[in-house]
């Protein structure tokens, strides 16, 4: 049996649909990789920012100190009450009896 025009047209449409699905899959994979890279960069940038452990104000270089009890949290220098209240929240503080 010979291949008719209709069979050839159907085969061409099937091949075009398959090629389109493959292109879309490649595009989705590229977008997913770019999204993951962007999310990781955002997470790294966020982790570099410092906030006061008590009042949650953004801290800049030279405007904070670290908790003296060793938990590593940043505490305001600007407000005296921040250092005092954080010491009560610190995991390394001695329990009050």
PDB file of N, CA and C in Angstrom:
ATOM      1  N   UNK A   1       0.816  -1.172   0.000  1.00  0.00           N
ATOM      2  CA  UNK A   1       0.000   0.000   0.000  1.00  0.00           C
ATOM      3  C   UNK A   1       0.868   1.247   0.000  1.00  0.00           C
ATOM      4  N   UNK A   2       0.463   2.213  -0.731  1.00  0.00           N
ATOM      5  CA  UNK A   2       1.219   3.455  -0.800  1.00  0.00           C
ATOM      6  C   UNK A   2       0.730   4.419   0.271  1.00  0.00           C
ATOM      7  N   UNK A   3       1.639   5.299   0.663  1.00  0.00           N
ATOM      8  CA  UNK A   3       1.307   6.300   1.681  1.00  0.00           C
ATOM      9  C   UNK A   3       0.521   7.418   1.027  1.00  0.00           C
ATOM     10  N   UNK A   4      -0.596   7.747   1.604  1.00  0.00           N
ATOM     11  CA  UNK A   4      -1.431   8.787   1.023  1.00  0.00           C
ATOM     12  C   UNK A   4      -1.052  10.154   1.598  1.00  0.00           C
ATOM     13  N   UNK A   5      -1.654  11.177   1.010  1.00  0.00           N
ATOM     14  CA  UNK A   5      -1.433  12.559   1.462  1.00  0.00           C
ATOM     15  C   UNK A   5      -1.909  12.735   2.903  1.00  0.00           C
ATOM     16  N   UNK A   6      -3.013  12.119   3.243  1.00  0.00           N
ATOM     17  CA  UNK A   6      -3.573  12.245   4.590  1.00  0.00           C
ATOM     18  C   UNK A   6      -2.632  11.619   5.610  1.00  0.00           C
ATOM     19  N   UNK A   7      -2.114  10.439   5.308  1.00  0.00           N
ATOM     20  CA  UNK A   7      -1.184   9.774   6.221  1.00  0.00           C
ATOM     21  C   UNK A   7       0.081  10.621   6.415  1.00  0.00           C
ATOM     22  N   UNK A   8       0.562  11.218   5.342  1.00  0.00           N
ATOM     23  CA  UNK A   8       1.748  12.064   5.439  1.00  0.00           C
ATOM     24  C   UNK A   8       1.452  13.312   6.283  1.00  0.00           C
ATOM     25  N   UNK A   9       0.270  13.907   6.109  1.00  0.00           N
ATOM     26  CA  UNK A   9      -0.101  15.098   6.879  1.00  0.00           C
ATOM     27  C   UNK A   9      -0.231  14.753   8.362  1.00  0.00           C
ATOM     28  N   UNK A  10      -0.828  13.608   8.666  1.00  0.00           N
ATOM     29  CA  UNK A  10      -0.979  13.175  10.070  1.00  0.00           C
ATOM     30  C   UNK A  10       0.397  12.929  10.679  1.00  0.00           C
ATOM     31  N   UNK A  11       1.283  12.266   9.965  1.00  0.00           N
ATOM     32  CA  UNK A  11       2.630  11.995  10.464  1.00  0.00           C
ATOM     33  C   UNK A  11       3.383  13.301  10.703  1.00  0.00           C
ATOM     34  N   UNK A  12       3.206  14.284   9.834  1.00  0.00           N
ATOM     35  CA  UNK A  12       3.875  15.582  10.002  1.00  0.00           C
ATOM     36  C   UNK A  12       3.345  16.306  11.235  1.00  0.00           C
ATOM     37  N   UNK A  13       2.035  16.253  11.441  1.00  0.00           N
ATOM     38  CA  UNK A  13       1.450  16.898  12.627  1.00  0.00           C
ATOM     39  C   UNK A  13       1.940  16.225  13.914  1.00  0.00           C
ATOM     40  N   UNK A  14       2.010  14.918  13.903  1.00  0.00           N
ATOM     41  CA  UNK A  14       2.494  14.183  15.077  1.00  0.00           C
ATOM     42  C   UNK A  14       3.943  14.556  15.366  1.00  0.00           C
ATOM     43  N   UNK A  15       4.774  14.630  14.329  1.00  0.00           N
ATOM     44  CA  UNK A  15       6.181  15.006  14.505  1.00  0.00           C
ATOM     45  C   UNK A  15       6.308  16.435  15.016  1.00  0.00           C
ATOM     46  N   UNK A  16       5.467  17.344  14.517  1.00  0.00           N
ATOM     47  CA  UNK A  16       5.513  18.737  14.970  1.00  0.00           C
ATOM     48  C   UNK A  16       5.088  18.835  16.435  1.00  0.00           C
ATOM     49  N   UNK A  17       4.073  18.089  16.820  1.00  0.00           N
ATOM     50  CA  UNK A  17       3.619  18.110  18.211  1.00  0.00           C
ATOM     51  C   UNK A  17       4.705  17.548  19.140  1.00  0.00           C
ATOM     52  N   UNK A  18       5.354  16.476  18.720  1.00  0.00           N
ATOM     53  CA  UNK A  18       6.429  15.891  19.522  1.00  0.00           C
ATOM     54  C   UNK A  18       7.591  16.876  19.678  1.00  0.00           C
ATOM     55  N   UNK A  19       7.962  17.561  18.595  1.00  0.00           N
ATOM     56  CA  UNK A  19       9.046  18.549  18.656  1.00  0.00           C
ATOM     57  C   UNK A  19       8.672  19.713  19.571  1.00  0.00           C
ATOM     58  N   UNK A  20       7.400  20.128  19.515  1.00  0.00           N
ATOM     59  CA  UNK A  20       6.940  21.220  20.377  1.00  0.00           C
ATOM     60  C   UNK A  20       7.010  20.819  21.849  1.00  0.00           C
ATOM     61  N   UNK A  21       6.581  19.605  22.168  1.00  0.00           N
ATOM     62  CA  UNK A  21       6.649  19.131  23.553  1.00  0.00           C
ATOM     63  C   UNK A  21       8.099  19.070  24.043  1.00  0.00           C
ATOM     64  N   UNK A  22       9.002  18.632  23.188  1.00  0.00           N
ATOM     65  CA  UNK A  22      10.424  18.564  23.575  1.00  0.00           C
ATOM     66  C   UNK A  22      10.989  19.962  23.809  1.00  0.00           C
ATOM     67  N   UNK A  23      10.649  20.928  22.929  1.00  0.00           N
ATOM     68  CA  UNK A  23      11.110  22.309  23.124  1.00  0.00           C
ATOM     69  C   UNK A  23      10.578  22.879  24.432  1.00  0.00           C
ATOM     70  N   UNK A  24       9.308  22.639  24.712  1.00  0.00           N
ATOM     71  CA  UNK A  24       8.710  23.152  25.954  1.00  0.00           C
ATOM     72  C   UNK A  24       9.341  22.510  27.186  1.00  0.00           C
ATOM     73  N   UNK A  25       9.667  21.231  27.097  1.00  0.00           N
ATOM     74  CA  UNK A  25      10.308  20.553  28.225  1.00  0.00           C
ATOM     75  C   UNK A  25      11.692  21.136  28.490  1.00  0.00           C
ATOM     76  N   UNK A  26      12.431  21.412  27.429  1.00  0.00           N
ATOM     77  CA  UNK A  26      13.756  22.028  27.576  1.00  0.00           C
ATOM     78  C   UNK A  26      13.622  23.429  28.175  1.00  0.00           C
ATOM     79  N   UNK A  27      12.639  24.180  27.694  1.00  0.00           N
ATOM     80  CA  UNK A  27      12.421  25.535  28.213  1.00  0.00           C
ATOM     81  C   UNK A  27      12.042  25.493  29.693  1.00  0.00           C
ATOM     82  N   UNK A  28      11.166  24.559  30.090  1.00  0.00           N
ATOM     83  CA  UNK A  28      10.792  24.425  31.505  1.00  0.00           C
ATOM     84  C   UNK A  28      12.001  24.075  32.360  1.00  0.00           C
ATOM     85  N   UNK A  29      12.870  23.201  31.863  1.00  0.00           N
ATOM     86  CA  UNK A  29      14.064  22.819  32.613  1.00  0.00           C
ATOM     87  C   UNK A  29      14.996  24.018  32.788  1.00  0.00           C
ATOM     88  N   UNK A  30      15.169  24.814  31.736  1.00  0.00           N
ATOM     89  CA  UNK A  30      16.020  26.006  31.837  1.00  0.00           C
ATOM     90  C   UNK A  30      15.444  27.012  32.830  1.00  0.00           C
ATOM     91  N   UNK A  31      14.130  27.231  32.772  1.00  0.00           N
ATOM     92  CA  UNK A  31      13.495  28.158  33.701  1.00  0.00           C
ATOM     93  C   UNK A  31      13.590  27.655  35.140  1.00  0.00           C
ATOM     94  N   UNK A  32      13.460  26.366  35.322  1.00  0.00           N
ATOM     95  CA  UNK A  32      13.574  25.785  36.662  1.00  0.00           C
ATOM     96  C   UNK A  32      14.982  25.981  37.224  1.00  0.00           C
ATOM     97  N   UNK A  33      15.994  25.761  36.394  1.00  0.00           N
ATOM     98  CA  UNK A  33      17.379  25.972  36.833  1.00  0.00           C
ATOM     99  C   UNK A  33      17.612  27.433  37.201  1.00  0.00           C
ATOM    100  N   UNK A  34      17.113  28.348  36.370  1.00  0.00           N
ATOM    101  CA  UNK A  34      17.281  29.781  36.649  1.00  0.00           C
ATOM    102  C   UNK A  34      16.550  30.169  37.932  1.00  0.00           C
ATOM    103  N   UNK A  35      15.375  29.610  38.149  1.00  0.00           N
ATOM    104  CA  UNK A  35      14.615  29.900  39.363  1.00  0.00           C
ATOM    105  C   UNK A  35      15.364  29.402  40.591  1.00  0.00           C
ATOM    106  N   UNK A  36      15.890  28.189  40.520  1.00  0.00           N
ATOM    107  CA  UNK A  36      16.642  27.640  41.652  1.00  0.00           C
ATOM    108  C   UNK A  36      17.862  28.496  41.960  1.00  0.00           C
ATOM    109  N   UNK A  37      18.577  28.926  40.917  1.00  0.00           N
ATOM    110  CA  UNK A  37      19.751  29.775  41.126  1.00  0.00           C
ATOM    111  C   UNK A  37      19.341  31.100  41.764  1.00  0.00           C
ATOM    112  N   UNK A  38      18.235  31.662  41.315  1.00  0.00           N
ATOM    113  CA  UNK A  38      17.750  32.919  41.884  1.00  0.00           C
ATOM    114  C   UNK A  38      17.329  32.762  43.333  1.00  0.00           C
ATOM    115  N   UNK A  39      16.653  31.660  43.649  1.00  0.00           N
ATOM    116  CA  UNK A  39      16.239  31.416  45.027  1.00  0.00           C
ATOM    117  C   UNK A  39      17.442  31.238  45.948  1.00  0.00           C
ATOM    118  N   UNK A  40      18.454  30.523  45.470  1.00  0.00           N
ATOM    119  CA  UNK A  40      19.658  30.328  46.280  1.00  0.00           C
ATOM    120  C   UNK A  40      20.385  31.651  46.508  1.00  0.00           C
ATOM    121  N   UNK A  41      20.459  32.491  45.470  1.00  0.00           N
ATOM    122  CA  UNK A  41      21.104  33.804  45.621  1.00  0.00           C
ATOM    123  C   UNK A  41      20.333  34.668  46.607  1.00  0.00           C
ATOM    124  N   UNK A  42      19.013  34.615  46.546  1.00  0.00           N
ATOM    125  CA  UNK A  42      18.186  35.390  47.479  1.00  0.00           C
ATOM    126  C   UNK A  42      18.390  34.896  48.904  1.00  0.00           C
ATOM    127  N   UNK A  43      18.471  33.598  49.066  1.00  0.00           N
ATOM    128  CA  UNK A  43      18.675  33.027  50.401  1.00  0.00           C
ATOM    129  C   UNK A  43      20.030  33.432  50.970  1.00  0.00           C
ATOM    130  N   UNK A  44      21.075  33.421  50.132  1.00  0.00           N
ATOM    131  CA  UNK A  44      22.410  33.851  50.592  1.00  0.00           C
ATOM    132  C   UNK A  44      22.400  35.321  50.984  1.00  0.00           C
ATOM    133  N   UNK A  45      21.747  36.159  50.182  1.00  0.00           N
ATOM    134  CA  UNK A  45      21.687  37.589  50.488  1.00  0.00           C
ATOM    135  C   UNK A  45      20.911  37.834  51.774  1.00  0.00           C
ATOM    136  N   UNK A  46      19.843  37.089  51.976  1.00  0.00           N
ATOM    137  CA  UNK A  46      19.044  37.243  53.184  1.00  0.00           C
ATOM    138  C   UNK A  46      19.833  36.822  54.418  1.00  0.00           C
ATOM    139  N   UNK A  47      20.615  35.774  54.293  1.00  0.00           N
ATOM    140  CA  UNK A  47      21.366  35.298  55.455  1.00  0.00           C
ATOM    141  C   UNK A  47      22.491  36.255  55.842  1.00  0.00           C
ATOM    142  N   UNK A  48      22.923  37.117  54.925  1.00  0.00           N
ATOM    143  CA  UNK A  48      23.967  38.092  55.256  1.00  0.00           C
ATOM    144  C   UNK A  48      23.417  39.291  56.018  1.00  0.00           C
ATOM    145  N   UNK A  49      22.112  39.500  55.962  1.00  0.00           N
ATOM    146  CA  UNK A  49      21.516  40.622  56.680  1.00  0.00           C
ATOM    147  C   UNK A  49      21.418  40.284  58.160  1.00  0.00           C
ATOM    148  N   UNK A  50      21.630  41.284  58.991  1.00  0.00           N
ATOM    149  CA  UNK A  50      21.561  41.085  60.435  1.00  0.00           C
ATOM    150  C   UNK A  50      20.417  41.899  61.016  1.00  0.00           C
ATOM    151  N   UNK A  51      19.711  41.308  61.928  1.00  0.00           N
ATOM    152  CA  UNK A  51      18.637  41.979  62.642  1.00  0.00           C
ATOM    153  C   UNK A  51      18.857  41.780  64.135  1.00  0.00           C
ATOM    154  N   UNK A  52      18.447  42.755  64.923  1.00  0.00           N
ATOM    155  CA  UNK A  52      18.572  42.663  66.367  1.00  0.00           C
ATOM    156  C   UNK A  52      17.714  41.505  66.867  1.00  0.00           C
ATOM    157  N   UNK A  53      18.264  40.726  67.784  1.00  0.00           N
ATOM    158  CA  UNK A  53      17.543  39.568  68.304  1.00  0.00           C
ATOM    159  C   UNK A  53      16.365  39.975  69.172  1.00  0.00           C
ATOM    160  N   UNK A  54      16.339  41.210  69.640  1.00  0.00           N
ATOM    161  CA  UNK A  54      15.255  41.644  70.516  1.00  0.00           C
ATOM    162  C   UNK A  54      14.240  42.514  69.800  1.00  0.00           C
ATOM    163  N   UNK A  55      14.701  43.603  69.175  1.00  0.00           N
ATOM    164  CA  UNK A  55      13.752  44.555  68.590  1.00  0.00           C
ATOM    165  C   UNK A  55      13.553  44.351  67.088  1.00  0.00           C
ATOM    166  N   UNK A  56      14.327  43.478  66.475  1.00  0.00           N
ATOM    167  CA  UNK A  56      14.214  43.121  65.055  1.00  0.00           C
ATOM    168  C   UNK A  56      14.514  44.278  64.114  1.00  0.00           C
ATOM    169  N   UNK A  57      15.250  45.291  64.563  1.00  0.00           N
ATOM    170  CA  UNK A  57      15.673  46.366  63.660  1.00  0.00           C
ATOM    171  C   UNK A  57      16.880  45.903  62.869  1.00  0.00           C
ATOM    172  N   UNK A  58      16.978  46.373  61.639  1.00  0.00           N
ATOM    173  CA  UNK A  58      18.100  46.024  60.779  1.00  0.00           C
ATOM    174  C   UNK A  58      19.365  46.598  61.375  1.00  0.00           C
ATOM    175  N   UNK A  59      20.436  45.803  61.417  1.00  0.00           N
ATOM    176  CA  UNK A  59      21.705  46.227  61.992  1.00  0.00           C
ATOM    177  C   UNK A  59      22.739  46.418  60.880  1.00  0.00           C
ATOM    178  N   UNK A  60      23.523  47.455  61.009  1.00  0.00           N
ATOM    179  CA  UNK A  60      24.584  47.756  60.057  1.00  0.00           C
ATOM    180  C   UNK A  60      25.918  47.584  60.760  1.00  0.00           C
ATOM    181  N   UNK A  61      26.989  47.563  59.997  1.00  0.00           N
ATOM    182  CA  UNK A  61      28.314  47.375  60.559  1.00  0.00           C
ATOM    183  C   UNK A  61      28.580  48.408  61.655  1.00  0.00           C
ATOM    184  N   UNK A  62      29.001  47.923  62.812  1.00  0.00           N
ATOM    185  CA  UNK A  62      29.338  48.806  63.909  1.00  0.00           C
ATOM    186  C   UNK A  62      28.167  49.247  64.763  1.00  0.00           C
ATOM    187  N   UNK A  63      26.958  48.798  64.456  1.00  0.00           N
ATOM    188  CA  UNK A  63      25.801  49.220  65.240  1.00  0.00           C
ATOM    189  C   UNK A  63      25.270  48.105  66.133  1.00  0.00           C
ATOM    190  N   UNK A  64      25.968  46.984  66.221  1.00  0.00           N
ATOM    191  CA  UNK A  64      25.494  45.877  67.029  1.00  0.00           C
ATOM    192  C   UNK A  64      26.675  45.203  67.721  1.00  0.00           C
ATOM    193  N   UNK A  65      26.368  44.379  68.686  1.00  0.00           N
ATOM    194  CA  UNK A  65      27.364  43.504  69.279  1.00  0.00           C
ATOM    195  C   UNK A  65      26.754  42.117  69.368  1.00  0.00           C
ATOM    196  N   UNK A  66      27.590  41.133  69.590  1.00  0.00           N
ATOM    197  CA  UNK A  66      27.118  39.754  69.698  1.00  0.00           C
ATOM    198  C   UNK A  66      26.769  39.445  71.146  1.00  0.00           C
ATOM    199  N   UNK A  67      25.854  38.549  71.329  1.00  0.00           N
ATOM    200  CA  UNK A  67      25.433  38.167  72.672  1.00  0.00           C
ATOM    201  C   UNK A  67      26.646  37.689  73.460  1.00  0.00           C
ATOM    202  N   UNK A  68      26.877  38.229  74.660  1.00  0.00           N
ATOM    203  CA  UNK A  68      28.051  37.848  75.432  1.00  0.00           C
ATOM    204  C   UNK A  68      27.996  36.419  75.959  1.00  0.00           C
ATOM    205  N   UNK A  69      26.857  35.782  75.894  1.00  0.00           N
ATOM    206  CA  UNK A  69      26.741  34.413  76.397  1.00  0.00           C
ATOM    207  C   UNK A  69      27.014  33.375  75.315  1.00  0.00           C
ATOM    208  N   UNK A  70      27.331  33.818  74.130  1.00  0.00           N
ATOM    209  CA  UNK A  70      27.804  32.902  73.097  1.00  0.00           C
ATOM    210  C   UNK A  70      26.772  32.335  72.149  1.00  0.00           C
ATOM    211  N   UNK A  71      25.554  32.840  72.148  1.00  0.00           N
ATOM    212  CA  UNK A  71      24.585  32.290  71.194  1.00  0.00           C
ATOM    213  C   UNK A  71      24.800  32.878  69.798  1.00  0.00           C
ATOM    214  N   UNK A  72      25.564  33.976  69.688  1.00  0.00           N
ATOM    215  CA  UNK A  72      25.901  34.552  68.394  1.00  0.00           C
ATOM    216  C   UNK A  72      24.891  35.521  67.830  1.00  0.00           C
ATOM    217  N   UNK A  73      23.826  35.795  68.538  1.00  0.00           N
ATOM    218  CA  UNK A  73      22.807  36.714  68.037  1.00  0.00           C
ATOM    219  C   UNK A  73      23.323  38.148  68.050  1.00  0.00           C
ATOM    220  N   UNK A  74      22.889  38.931  67.062  1.00  0.00           N
ATOM    221  CA  UNK A  74      23.229  40.352  67.014  1.00  0.00           C
ATOM    222  C   UNK A  74      22.258  41.112  67.910  1.00  0.00           C
ATOM    223  N   UNK A  75      22.794  42.038  68.707  1.00  0.00           N
ATOM    224  CA  UNK A  75      21.983  42.832  69.630  1.00  0.00           C
ATOM    225  C   UNK A  75      22.352  44.290  69.435  1.00  0.00           C
ATOM    226  N   UNK A  76      21.342  45.180  69.450  1.00  0.00           N
ATOM    227  CA  UNK A  76      21.545  46.622  69.241  1.00  0.00           C
ATOM    228  C   UNK A  76      22.527  47.216  70.237  1.00  0.00           C
ATOM    229  N   UNK A  77      23.321  48.145  69.760  1.00  0.00           N
ATOM    230  CA  UNK A  77      24.096  49.008  70.650  1.00  0.00           C
ATOM    231  C   UNK A  77      23.302  50.271  70.956  1.00  0.00           C
ATOM    232  N   UNK A  78      22.411  50.612  70.048  1.00  0.00           N
ATOM    233  CA  UNK A  78      21.694  51.881  70.143  1.00  0.00           C
ATOM    234  C   UNK A  78      20.728  51.909  71.324  1.00  0.00           C
ATOM    235  N   UNK A  79      20.093  50.787  71.601  1.00  0.00           N
ATOM    236  CA  UNK A  79      19.083  50.733  72.652  1.00  0.00           C
ATOM    237  C   UNK A  79      19.566  49.832  73.782  1.00  0.00           C
ATOM    238  N   UNK A  80      19.679  50.387  74.977  1.00  0.00           N
ATOM    239  CA  UNK A  80      20.179  49.614  76.117  1.00  0.00           C
ATOM    240  C   UNK A  80      19.240  48.470  76.472  1.00  0.00           C
ATOM    241  N   UNK A  81      17.953  48.669  76.291  1.00  0.00           N
ATOM    242  CA  UNK A  81      17.013  47.618  76.680  1.00  0.00           C
ATOM    243  C   UNK A  81      17.139  46.369  75.813  1.00  0.00           C
ATOM    244  N   UNK A  82      17.668  46.483  74.613  1.00  0.00           N
ATOM    245  CA  UNK A  82      17.801  45.309  73.743  1.00  0.00           C
ATOM    246  C   UNK A  82      18.792  44.310  74.327  1.00  0.00           C
ATOM    247  N   UNK A  83      19.929  44.787  74.792  1.00  0.00           N
ATOM    248  CA  UNK A  83      20.914  43.877  75.369  1.00  0.00           C
ATOM    249  C   UNK A  83      20.395  43.181  76.605  1.00  0.00           C
ATOM    250  N   UNK A  84      19.682  43.914  77.452  1.00  0.00           N
ATOM    251  CA  UNK A  84      19.171  43.323  78.689  1.00  0.00           C
ATOM    252  C   UNK A  84      18.088  42.283  78.415  1.00  0.00           C
ATOM    253  N   UNK A  85      17.171  42.593  77.497  1.00  0.00           N
ATOM    254  CA  UNK A  85      16.098  41.635  77.264  1.00  0.00           C
ATOM    255  C   UNK A  85      16.591  40.428  76.503  1.00  0.00           C
ATOM    256  N   UNK A  86      17.587  40.589  75.648  1.00  0.00           N
ATOM    257  CA  UNK A  86      18.069  39.426  74.915  1.00  0.00           C
ATOM    258  C   UNK A  86      18.730  38.423  75.837  1.00  0.00           C
ATOM    259  N   UNK A  87      19.402  38.914  76.865  1.00  0.00           N
ATOM    260  CA  UNK A  87      20.056  37.993  77.781  1.00  0.00           C
ATOM    261  C   UNK A  87      19.046  37.052  78.427  1.00  0.00           C
ATOM    262  N   UNK A  88      17.816  37.502  78.616  1.00  0.00           N
ATOM    263  CA  UNK A  88      16.779  36.638  79.165  1.00  0.00           C
ATOM    264  C   UNK A  88      16.337  35.593  78.143  1.00  0.00           C
ATOM    265  N   UNK A  89      16.446  35.924  76.845  1.00  0.00           N
ATOM    266  CA  UNK A  89      15.998  35.000  75.801  1.00  0.00           C
ATOM    267  C   UNK A  89      17.073  34.018  75.377  1.00  0.00           C
ATOM    268  N   UNK A  90      18.310  34.298  75.723  1.00  0.00           N
ATOM    269  CA  UNK A  90      19.435  33.505  75.227  1.00  0.00           C
ATOM    270  C   UNK A  90      19.344  32.059  75.699  1.00  0.00           C
ATOM    271  N   UNK A  91      19.600  31.126  74.802  1.00  0.00           N
ATOM    272  CA  UNK A  91      19.569  29.705  75.147  1.00  0.00           C
ATOM    273  C   UNK A  91      20.678  29.307  76.106  1.00  0.00           C
ATOM    274  N   UNK A  92      21.777  30.059  76.106  1.00  0.00           N
ATOM    275  CA  UNK A  92      22.932  29.701  76.931  1.00  0.00           C
ATOM    276  C   UNK A  92      22.908  30.313  78.321  1.00  0.00           C
ATOM    277  N   UNK A  93      21.891  31.072  78.651  1.00  0.00           N
ATOM    278  CA  UNK A  93      21.865  31.713  79.960  1.00  0.00           C
ATOM    279  C   UNK A  93      21.542  30.693  81.037  1.00  0.00           C
ATOM    280  N   UNK A  94      22.000  30.980  82.256  1.00  0.00           N
ATOM    281  CA  UNK A  94      21.698  30.112  83.380  1.00  0.00           C
ATOM    282  C   UNK A  94      20.231  30.303  83.765  1.00  0.00           C
ATOM    283  N   UNK A  95      19.580  29.229  84.091  1.00  0.00           N
ATOM    284  CA  UNK A  95      18.166  29.307  84.483  1.00  0.00           C
ATOM    285  C   UNK A  95      18.037  29.965  85.838  1.00  0.00           C
ATOM    286  N   UNK A  96      17.059  30.835  85.973  1.00  0.00           N
ATOM    287  CA  UNK A  96      16.814  31.503  87.251  1.00  0.00           C
ATOM    288  C   UNK A  96      16.153  30.513  88.204  1.00  0.00           C
ATOM    289  N   UNK A  97      16.611  30.504  89.448  1.00  0.00           N
ATOM    290  CA  UNK A  97      16.003  29.570  90.386  1.00  0.00           C
ATOM    291  C   UNK A  97      15.006  30.224  91.287  1.00  0.00           C
TER     292      UNK A  97
END
